[in-house]
Amino acid sequence: MRRAIIVAGCFVFFLSIVGCQSMGQKTKTGALVGAVSGAGLGGIIGHQSGHGGEGAAIGAAVGALTGGLIGNQMDKNAQQTETVSTVTTNNAQGMTLQEIVELNKQGINDDVVVDRLRLTNTKIQLSDSDIAYLRQNKVSEKVIAELRK
């Protein structure tokens, strides 16, 4: 049991050090909270079968991974919102086709782009060549439909 606790502690320590510079704050927090919660829950469940230490170690590993993945997605969503906000701030009159294509290339979710089009009251009379340009750059039909309104 003591060995399992040491292994779990080393795993959490290793996770907190490796890659922290490149991880976002929510990723770090999610991994830490997940590891602690998972270790506690795994220890309780494992204790009932006589393997509390192993349960804690497994729970910490699974919790850290799950919490880190959830936190990472939250960091990505925050980054997308920040990117779109920058575009919106720089162009108070509305978004240009080039800005819309750039957001698409950055992988910004269509719903976020549509929201920004509405928020900035972007009105563009789309010509056939504009539509071809957007489609050529793989802008979704949902975004194109919003521009046509």
Foldseek 3Di string as FASTA:
>chain_A
DVVLQVLLVVVLVVVLPPPVVVADPQLNVQLNVQLVVQLVVQLVVCVVVPRNSNRSSVRNVVRNVVRNVVSRVVVVLVVLLVLLVVQCVVCLQAHDLVSLLVSVVVVRDPVSLLVRRVVSVDADDDDPVSVVVCVVSVNDPSNVVSNND
